[in-house]
Amino acid sequence: MRSSAHRTRSLDRVSRRVAWFLIALCAWTLYVWITRVVIIAGQDQTMGFKVVHDVLAAISIAFGLGAGYFGWRALRSR
């Protein structure tokens, strides 16, 4: 198990610019996929189409939240 000091030092290597980019990536991903899911829900599409896009949205949102989390932690470690 890694110590919290090691994790903090690795986050110190992330520049403020990159940290803000990761947070912006998170916000953009959330905006795009939540909007897309709402639009698809209102359309007359097959259930398979909706399921596939919901799975894609969930995976993409998870990656976006992960990027935002690391960006936020990098900003807070300064």
PDB file of N, CA and C in Angstrom:
ATOM      1  N   MET A   1       0.841  -1.178   0.000  1.00  0.00           N
ATOM      2  CA  MET A   1       0.000   0.000   0.000  1.00  0.00           C
ATOM      3  C   MET A   1       0.887   1.242   0.000  1.00  0.00           C
ATOM      4  N   ARG A   2       0.561   2.188  -0.820  1.00  0.00           N
ATOM      5  CA  ARG A   2       1.365   3.407  -0.933  1.00  0.00           C
ATOM      6  C   ARG A   2       0.959   4.421   0.123  1.00  0.00           C
ATOM      7  N   SER A   3       1.916   5.171   0.565  1.00  0.00           N
ATOM      8  CA  SER A   3       1.609   6.190   1.563  1.00  0.00           C
ATOM      9  C   SER A   3       0.992   7.415   0.890  1.00  0.00           C
ATOM     10  N   SER A   4       0.309   8.219   1.684  1.00  0.00           N
ATOM     11  CA  SER A   4      -0.304   9.433   1.140  1.00  0.00           C
ATOM     12  C   SER A   4       0.761  10.442   0.727  1.00  0.00           C
ATOM     13  N   ALA A   5       1.941  10.396   1.355  1.00  0.00           N
ATOM     14  CA  ALA A   5       3.026  11.301   0.974  1.00  0.00           C
ATOM     15  C   ALA A   5       3.495  11.002  -0.444  1.00  0.00           C
ATOM     16  N   HIS A   6       3.543   9.729  -0.803  1.00  0.00           N
ATOM     17  CA  HIS A   6       3.955   9.367  -2.160  1.00  0.00           C
ATOM     18  C   HIS A   6       2.932   9.852  -3.177  1.00  0.00           C
ATOM     19  N   ARG A   7       1.646   9.695  -2.865  1.00  0.00           N
ATOM     20  CA  ARG A   7       0.605  10.157  -3.790  1.00  0.00           C
ATOM     21  C   ARG A   7       0.642  11.669  -3.943  1.00  0.00           C
ATOM     22  N   THR A   8       0.883  12.378  -2.874  1.00  0.00           N
ATOM     23  CA  THR A   8       0.943  13.836  -2.934  1.00  0.00           C
ATOM     24  C   THR A   8       2.123  14.283  -3.784  1.00  0.00           C
ATOM     25  N   ARG A   9       3.262  13.636  -3.626  1.00  0.00           N
ATOM     26  CA  ARG A   9       4.433  14.001  -4.426  1.00  0.00           C
ATOM     27  C   ARG A   9       4.189  13.761  -5.911  1.00  0.00           C
ATOM     28  N   SER A  10       3.502  12.686  -6.265  1.00  0.00           N
ATOM     29  CA  SER A  10       3.251  12.430  -7.679  1.00  0.00           C
ATOM     30  C   SER A  10       2.265  13.451  -8.251  1.00  0.00           C
ATOM     31  N   LEU A  11       1.326  13.923  -7.434  1.00  0.00           N
ATOM     32  CA  LEU A  11       0.401  14.949  -7.903  1.00  0.00           C
ATOM     33  C   LEU A  11       1.084  16.302  -8.029  1.00  0.00           C
ATOM     34  N   ASP A  12       2.173  16.523  -7.302  1.00  0.00           N
ATOM     35  CA  ASP A  12       2.920  17.775  -7.421  1.00  0.00           C
ATOM     36  C   ASP A  12       3.557  17.913  -8.796  1.00  0.00           C
ATOM     37  N   ARG A  13       3.735  16.823  -9.481  1.00  0.00           N
ATOM     38  CA  ARG A  13       4.341  16.858 -10.820  1.00  0.00           C
ATOM     39  C   ARG A  13       3.377  17.372 -11.881  1.00  0.00           C
ATOM     40  N   VAL A  14       2.109  17.397 -11.549  1.00  0.00           N
ATOM     41  CA  VAL A  14       1.090  17.870 -12.493  1.00  0.00           C
ATOM     42  C   VAL A  14       1.027  19.391 -12.406  1.00  0.00           C
ATOM     43  N   SER A  15       1.184  20.044 -13.543  1.00  0.00           N
ATOM     44  CA  SER A  15       1.147  21.506 -13.550  1.00  0.00           C
ATOM     45  C   SER A  15      -0.288  21.999 -13.342  1.00  0.00           C
ATOM     46  N   ARG A  16      -0.408  23.267 -12.963  1.00  0.00           N
ATOM     47  CA  ARG A  16      -1.735  23.852 -12.781  1.00  0.00           C
ATOM     48  C   ARG A  16      -2.508  23.848 -14.097  1.00  0.00           C
ATOM     49  N   ARG A  17      -1.805  24.069 -15.190  1.00  0.00           N
ATOM     50  CA  ARG A  17      -2.454  24.070 -16.504  1.00  0.00           C
ATOM     51  C   ARG A  17      -3.063  22.704 -16.820  1.00  0.00           C
ATOM     52  N   VAL A  18      -2.318  21.658 -16.566  1.00  0.00           N
ATOM     53  CA  VAL A  18      -2.809  20.305 -16.821  1.00  0.00           C
ATOM     54  C   VAL A  18      -3.957  19.967 -15.871  1.00  0.00           C
ATOM     55  N   ALA A  19      -3.843  20.382 -14.612  1.00  0.00           N
ATOM     56  CA  ALA A  19      -4.914  20.126 -13.648  1.00  0.00           C
ATOM     57  C   ALA A  19      -6.211  20.795 -14.103  1.00  0.00           C
ATOM     58  N   TRP A  20      -6.115  22.045 -14.534  1.00  0.00           N
ATOM     59  CA  TRP A  20      -7.321  22.742 -15.012  1.00  0.00           C
ATOM     60  C   TRP A  20      -7.850  22.101 -16.290  1.00  0.00           C
ATOM     61  N   PHE A  21      -6.956  21.602 -17.143  1.00  0.00           N
ATOM     62  CA  PHE A  21      -7.388  20.904 -18.353  1.00  0.00           C
ATOM     63  C   PHE A  21      -8.192  19.656 -17.981  1.00  0.00           C
ATOM     64  N   LEU A  22      -7.724  18.893 -16.983  1.00  0.00           N
ATOM     65  CA  LEU A  22      -8.440  17.692 -16.561  1.00  0.00           C
ATOM     66  C   LEU A  22      -9.821  18.036 -16.001  1.00  0.00           C
ATOM     67  N   ILE A  23      -9.914  19.120 -15.264  1.00  0.00           N
ATOM     68  CA  ILE A  23     -11.208  19.552 -14.726  1.00  0.00           C
ATOM     69  C   ILE A  23     -12.129  19.991 -15.863  1.00  0.00           C
ATOM     70  N   ALA A  24     -11.586  20.718 -16.832  1.00  0.00           N
ATOM     71  CA  ALA A  24     -12.382  21.139 -17.992  1.00  0.00           C
ATOM     72  C   ALA A  24     -12.832  19.922 -18.807  1.00  0.00           C
ATOM     73  N   LEU A  25     -11.960  18.925 -18.936  1.00  0.00           N
ATOM     74  CA  LEU A  25     -12.316  17.697 -19.638  1.00  0.00           C
ATOM     75  C   LEU A  25     -13.484  17.010 -18.945  1.00  0.00           C
ATOM     76  N   CYS A  26     -13.461  16.975 -17.633  1.00  0.00           N
ATOM     77  CA  CYS A  26     -14.547  16.394 -16.853  1.00  0.00           C
ATOM     78  C   CYS A  26     -15.858  17.139 -17.118  1.00  0.00           C
ATOM     79  N   ALA A  27     -15.812  18.461 -17.035  1.00  0.00           N
ATOM     80  CA  ALA A  27     -17.020  19.268 -17.240  1.00  0.00           C
ATOM     81  C   ALA A  27     -17.580  19.078 -18.648  1.00  0.00           C
ATOM     82  N   TRP A  28     -16.708  19.095 -19.635  1.00  0.00           N
ATOM     83  CA  TRP A  28     -17.133  18.925 -21.025  1.00  0.00           C
ATOM     84  C   TRP A  28     -17.760  17.550 -21.245  1.00  0.00           C
ATOM     85  N   THR A  29     -17.125  16.507 -20.710  1.00  0.00           N
ATOM     86  CA  THR A  29     -17.639  15.151 -20.860  1.00  0.00           C
ATOM     87  C   THR A  29     -19.012  15.016 -20.222  1.00  0.00           C
ATOM     88  N   LEU A  30     -19.164  15.567 -19.023  1.00  0.00           N
ATOM     89  CA  LEU A  30     -20.466  15.511 -18.367  1.00  0.00           C
ATOM     90  C   LEU A  30     -21.528  16.240 -19.186  1.00  0.00           C
ATOM     91  N   TYR A  31     -21.187  17.425 -19.666  1.00  0.00           N
ATOM     92  CA  TYR A  31     -22.134  18.202 -20.466  1.00  0.00           C
ATOM     93  C   TYR A  31     -22.569  17.441 -21.722  1.00  0.00           C
ATOM     94  N   VAL A  32     -21.592  16.940 -22.468  1.00  0.00           N
ATOM     95  CA  VAL A  32     -21.893  16.275 -23.743  1.00  0.00           C
ATOM     96  C   VAL A  32     -22.734  15.025 -23.534  1.00  0.00           C
ATOM     97  N   TRP A  33     -22.326  14.160 -22.613  1.00  0.00           N
ATOM     98  CA  TRP A  33     -23.016  12.885 -22.476  1.00  0.00           C
ATOM     99  C   TRP A  33     -24.349  13.006 -21.772  1.00  0.00           C
ATOM    100  N   ILE A  34     -24.468  13.873 -20.794  1.00  0.00           N
ATOM    101  CA  ILE A  34     -25.777  14.035 -20.149  1.00  0.00           C
ATOM    102  C   ILE A  34     -26.772  14.631 -21.139  1.00  0.00           C
ATOM    103  N   THR A  35     -26.324  15.620 -21.912  1.00  0.00           N
ATOM    104  CA  THR A  35     -27.179  16.197 -22.949  1.00  0.00           C
ATOM    105  C   THR A  35     -27.573  15.138 -23.974  1.00  0.00           C
ATOM    106  N   ARG A  36     -26.610  14.344 -24.389  1.00  0.00           N
ATOM    107  CA  ARG A  36     -26.861  13.312 -25.399  1.00  0.00           C
ATOM    108  C   ARG A  36     -27.858  12.275 -24.896  1.00  0.00           C
ATOM    109  N   VAL A  37     -27.713  11.838 -23.655  1.00  0.00           N
ATOM    110  CA  VAL A  37     -28.622  10.836 -23.097  1.00  0.00           C
ATOM    111  C   VAL A  37     -30.047  11.391 -23.017  1.00  0.00           C
ATOM    112  N   VAL A  38     -30.186  12.652 -22.619  1.00  0.00           N
ATOM    113  CA  VAL A  38     -31.519  13.263 -22.548  1.00  0.00           C
ATOM    114  C   VAL A  38     -32.134  13.350 -23.940  1.00  0.00           C
ATOM    115  N   ILE A  39     -31.346  13.730 -24.928  1.00  0.00           N
ATOM    116  CA  ILE A  39     -31.859  13.821 -26.303  1.00  0.00           C
ATOM    117  C   ILE A  39     -32.281  12.451 -26.816  1.00  0.00           C
ATOM    118  N   ILE A  40     -31.435  11.437 -26.591  1.00  0.00           N
ATOM    119  CA  ILE A  40     -31.745  10.090 -27.068  1.00  0.00           C
ATOM    120  C   ILE A  40     -32.992   9.546 -26.371  1.00  0.00           C
ATOM    121  N   ALA A  41     -33.166   9.865 -25.096  1.00  0.00           N
ATOM    122  CA  ALA A  41     -34.344   9.379 -24.366  1.00  0.00           C
ATOM    123  C   ALA A  41     -35.637   9.896 -24.988  1.00  0.00           C
ATOM    124  N   GLY A  42     -35.603  11.098 -25.557  1.00  0.00           N
ATOM    125  CA  GLY A  42     -36.794  11.677 -26.163  1.00  0.00           C
ATOM    126  C   GLY A  42     -37.022  11.276 -27.607  1.00  0.00           C
ATOM    127  N   GLN A  43     -36.064  10.570 -28.204  1.00  0.00           N
ATOM    128  CA  GLN A  43     -36.190  10.173 -29.601  1.00  0.00           C
ATOM    129  C   GLN A  43     -36.850   8.803 -29.726  1.00  0.00           C
ATOM    130  N   ASP A  44     -37.345   8.542 -30.923  1.00  0.00           N
ATOM    131  CA  ASP A  44     -37.938   7.242 -31.216  1.00  0.00           C
ATOM    132  C   ASP A  44     -36.847   6.348 -31.795  1.00  0.00           C
ATOM    133  N   GLN A  45     -36.062   5.744 -30.914  1.00  0.00           N
ATOM    134  CA  GLN A  45     -34.977   4.845 -31.318  1.00  0.00           C
ATOM    135  C   GLN A  45     -35.252   3.455 -30.757  1.00  0.00           C
ATOM    136  N   THR A  46     -34.544   2.477 -31.303  1.00  0.00           N
ATOM    137  CA  THR A  46     -34.709   1.115 -30.793  1.00  0.00           C
ATOM    138  C   THR A  46     -34.102   1.014 -29.396  1.00  0.00           C
ATOM    139  N   MET A  47     -34.547   0.019 -28.660  1.00  0.00           N
ATOM    140  CA  MET A  47     -34.043  -0.183 -27.302  1.00  0.00           C
ATOM    141  C   MET A  47     -32.547  -0.508 -27.329  1.00  0.00           C
ATOM    142  N   GLY A  48     -32.105  -1.268 -28.323  1.00  0.00           N
ATOM    143  CA  GLY A  48     -30.679  -1.596 -28.436  1.00  0.00           C
ATOM    144  C   GLY A  48     -29.828  -0.348 -28.610  1.00  0.00           C
ATOM    145  N   PHE A  49     -30.284   0.568 -29.442  1.00  0.00           N
ATOM    146  CA  PHE A  49     -29.577   1.828 -29.658  1.00  0.00           C
ATOM    147  C   PHE A  49     -29.445   2.599 -28.348  1.00  0.00           C
ATOM    148  N   LYS A  50     -30.548   2.659 -27.601  1.00  0.00           N
ATOM    149  CA  LYS A  50     -30.537   3.393 -26.334  1.00  0.00           C
ATOM    150  C   LYS A  50     -29.630   2.730 -25.303  1.00  0.00           C
ATOM    151  N   VAL A  51     -29.664   1.398 -25.250  1.00  0.00           N
ATOM    152  CA  VAL A  51     -28.825   0.679 -24.286  1.00  0.00           C
ATOM    153  C   VAL A  51     -27.349   0.882 -24.610  1.00  0.00           C
ATOM    154  N   VAL A  52     -26.983   0.750 -25.875  1.00  0.00           N
ATOM    155  CA  VAL A  52     -25.586   0.927 -26.276  1.00  0.00           C
ATOM    156  C   VAL A  52     -25.107   2.329 -25.933  1.00  0.00           C
ATOM    157  N   HIS A  53     -25.900   3.328 -26.223  1.00  0.00           N
ATOM    158  CA  HIS A  53     -25.481   4.705 -25.937  1.00  0.00           C
ATOM    159  C   HIS A  53     -25.478   5.012 -24.445  1.00  0.00           C
ATOM    160  N   ASP A  54     -26.354   4.390 -23.693  1.00  0.00           N
ATOM    161  CA  ASP A  54     -26.312   4.553 -22.238  1.00  0.00           C
ATOM    162  C   ASP A  54     -25.039   3.930 -21.650  1.00  0.00           C
ATOM    163  N   VAL A  55     -24.640   2.784 -22.169  1.00  0.00           N
ATOM    164  CA  VAL A  55     -23.395   2.147 -21.708  1.00  0.00           C
ATOM    165  C   VAL A  55     -22.196   3.011 -22.094  1.00  0.00           C
ATOM    166  N   LEU A  56     -22.174   3.496 -23.328  1.00  0.00           N
ATOM    167  CA  LEU A  56     -21.090   4.389 -23.747  1.00  0.00           C
ATOM    168  C   LEU A  56     -21.037   5.641 -22.881  1.00  0.00           C
ATOM    169  N   ALA A  57     -22.207   6.190 -22.562  1.00  0.00           N
ATOM    170  CA  ALA A  57     -22.263   7.382 -21.718  1.00  0.00           C
ATOM    171  C   ALA A  57     -21.723   7.084 -20.323  1.00  0.00           C
ATOM    172  N   ALA A  58     -22.107   5.954 -19.757  1.00  0.00           N
ATOM    173  CA  ALA A  58     -21.647   5.599 -18.410  1.00  0.00           C
ATOM    174  C   ALA A  58     -20.132   5.446 -18.367  1.00  0.00           C
ATOM    175  N   ILE A  59     -19.569   4.783 -19.366  1.00  0.00           N
ATOM    176  CA  ILE A  59     -18.115   4.594 -19.410  1.00  0.00           C
ATOM    177  C   ILE A  59     -17.413   5.933 -19.591  1.00  0.00           C
ATOM    178  N   SER A  60     -17.897   6.743 -20.504  1.00  0.00           N
ATOM    179  CA  SER A  60     -17.281   8.035 -20.769  1.00  0.00           C
ATOM    180  C   SER A  60     -17.385   8.964 -19.560  1.00  0.00           C
ATOM    181  N   ILE A  61     -18.527   8.966 -18.912  1.00  0.00           N
ATOM    182  CA  ILE A  61     -18.707   9.790 -17.711  1.00  0.00           C
ATOM    183  C   ILE A  61     -17.770   9.315 -16.602  1.00  0.00           C
ATOM    184  N   ALA A  62     -17.593   8.013 -16.470  1.00  0.00           N
ATOM    185  CA  ALA A  62     -16.674   7.493 -15.451  1.00  0.00           C
ATOM    186  C   ALA A  62     -15.241   7.957 -15.719  1.00  0.00           C
ATOM    187  N   PHE A  63     -14.798   7.884 -16.974  1.00  0.00           N
ATOM    188  CA  PHE A  63     -13.459   8.370 -17.318  1.00  0.00           C
ATOM    189  C   PHE A  63     -13.347   9.876 -17.077  1.00  0.00           C
ATOM    190  N   GLY A  64     -14.383  10.613 -17.447  1.00  0.00           N
ATOM    191  CA  GLY A  64     -14.374  12.056 -17.235  1.00  0.00           C
ATOM    192  C   GLY A  64     -14.302  12.418 -15.761  1.00  0.00           C
ATOM    193  N   LEU A  65     -15.081  11.722 -14.936  1.00  0.00           N
ATOM    194  CA  LEU A  65     -15.038  11.973 -13.497  1.00  0.00           C
ATOM    195  C   LEU A  65     -13.670  11.610 -12.914  1.00  0.00           C
ATOM    196  N   GLY A  66     -13.072  10.547 -13.436  1.00  0.00           N
ATOM    197  CA  GLY A  66     -11.725  10.179 -12.991  1.00  0.00           C
ATOM    198  C   GLY A  66     -10.716  11.262 -13.324  1.00  0.00           C
ATOM    199  N   ALA A  67     -10.796  11.800 -14.519  1.00  0.00           N
ATOM    200  CA  ALA A  67      -9.896  12.885 -14.916  1.00  0.00           C
ATOM    201  C   ALA A  67     -10.118  14.113 -14.045  1.00  0.00           C
ATOM    202  N   GLY A  68     -11.376  14.440 -13.789  1.00  0.00           N
ATOM    203  CA  GLY A  68     -11.684  15.583 -12.933  1.00  0.00           C
ATOM    204  C   GLY A  68     -11.196  15.380 -11.512  1.00  0.00           C
ATOM    205  N   TYR A  69     -11.300  14.163 -11.016  1.00  0.00           N
ATOM    206  CA  TYR A  69     -10.834  13.855  -9.668  1.00  0.00           C
ATOM    207  C   TYR A  69      -9.323  14.083  -9.547  1.00  0.00           C
ATOM    208  N   PHE A  70      -8.565  13.583 -10.521  1.00  0.00           N
ATOM    209  CA  PHE A  70      -7.113  13.770 -10.472  1.00  0.00           C
ATOM    210  C   PHE A  70      -6.730  15.230 -10.665  1.00  0.00           C
ATOM    211  N   GLY A  71      -7.463  15.937 -11.505  1.00  0.00           N
ATOM    212  CA  GLY A  71      -7.199  17.361 -11.670  1.00  0.00           C
ATOM    213  C   GLY A  71      -7.473  18.126 -10.392  1.00  0.00           C
ATOM    214  N   TRP A  72      -8.576  17.816  -9.733  1.00  0.00           N
ATOM    215  CA  TRP A  72      -8.935  18.474  -8.477  1.00  0.00           C
ATOM    216  C   TRP A  72      -7.908  18.161  -7.391  1.00  0.00           C
ATOM    217  N   ARG A  73      -7.513  16.900  -7.307  1.00  0.00           N
ATOM    218  CA  ARG A  73      -6.505  16.524  -6.302  1.00  0.00           C
ATOM    219  C   ARG A  73      -5.179  17.212  -6.570  1.00  0.00           C
ATOM    220  N   ALA A  74      -4.807  17.362  -7.845  1.00  0.00           N
ATOM    221  CA  ALA A  74      -3.546  18.029  -8.182  1.00  0.00           C
ATOM    222  C   ALA A  74      -3.605  19.502  -7.774  1.00  0.00           C
ATOM    223  N   LEU A  75      -4.732  20.148  -7.963  1.00  0.00           N
ATOM    224  CA  LEU A  75      -4.861  21.553  -7.558  1.00  0.00           C
ATOM    225  C   LEU A  75      -4.824  21.694  -6.036  1.00  0.00           C
ATOM    226  N   ARG A  76      -5.466  20.777  -5.343  1.00  0.00           N
ATOM    227  CA  ARG A  76      -5.519  20.842  -3.886  1.00  0.00           C
ATOM    228  C   ARG A  76      -4.186  20.507  -3.236  1.00  0.00           C
ATOM    229  N   SER A  77      -3.323  19.766  -3.948  1.00  0.00           N
ATOM    230  CA  SER A  77      -2.039  19.373  -3.348  1.00  0.00           C
ATOM    231  C   SER A  77      -1.028  20.504  -3.353  1.00  0.00           C
ATOM    232  N   ARG A  78      -1.359  21.595  -3.984  1.00  0.00           N
ATOM    233  CA  ARG A  78      -0.413  22.732  -4.081  1.00  0.00           C
ATOM    234  C   ARG A  78      -0.551  23.634  -2.904  1.00  0.00           C
TER     235      ARG A  78
END
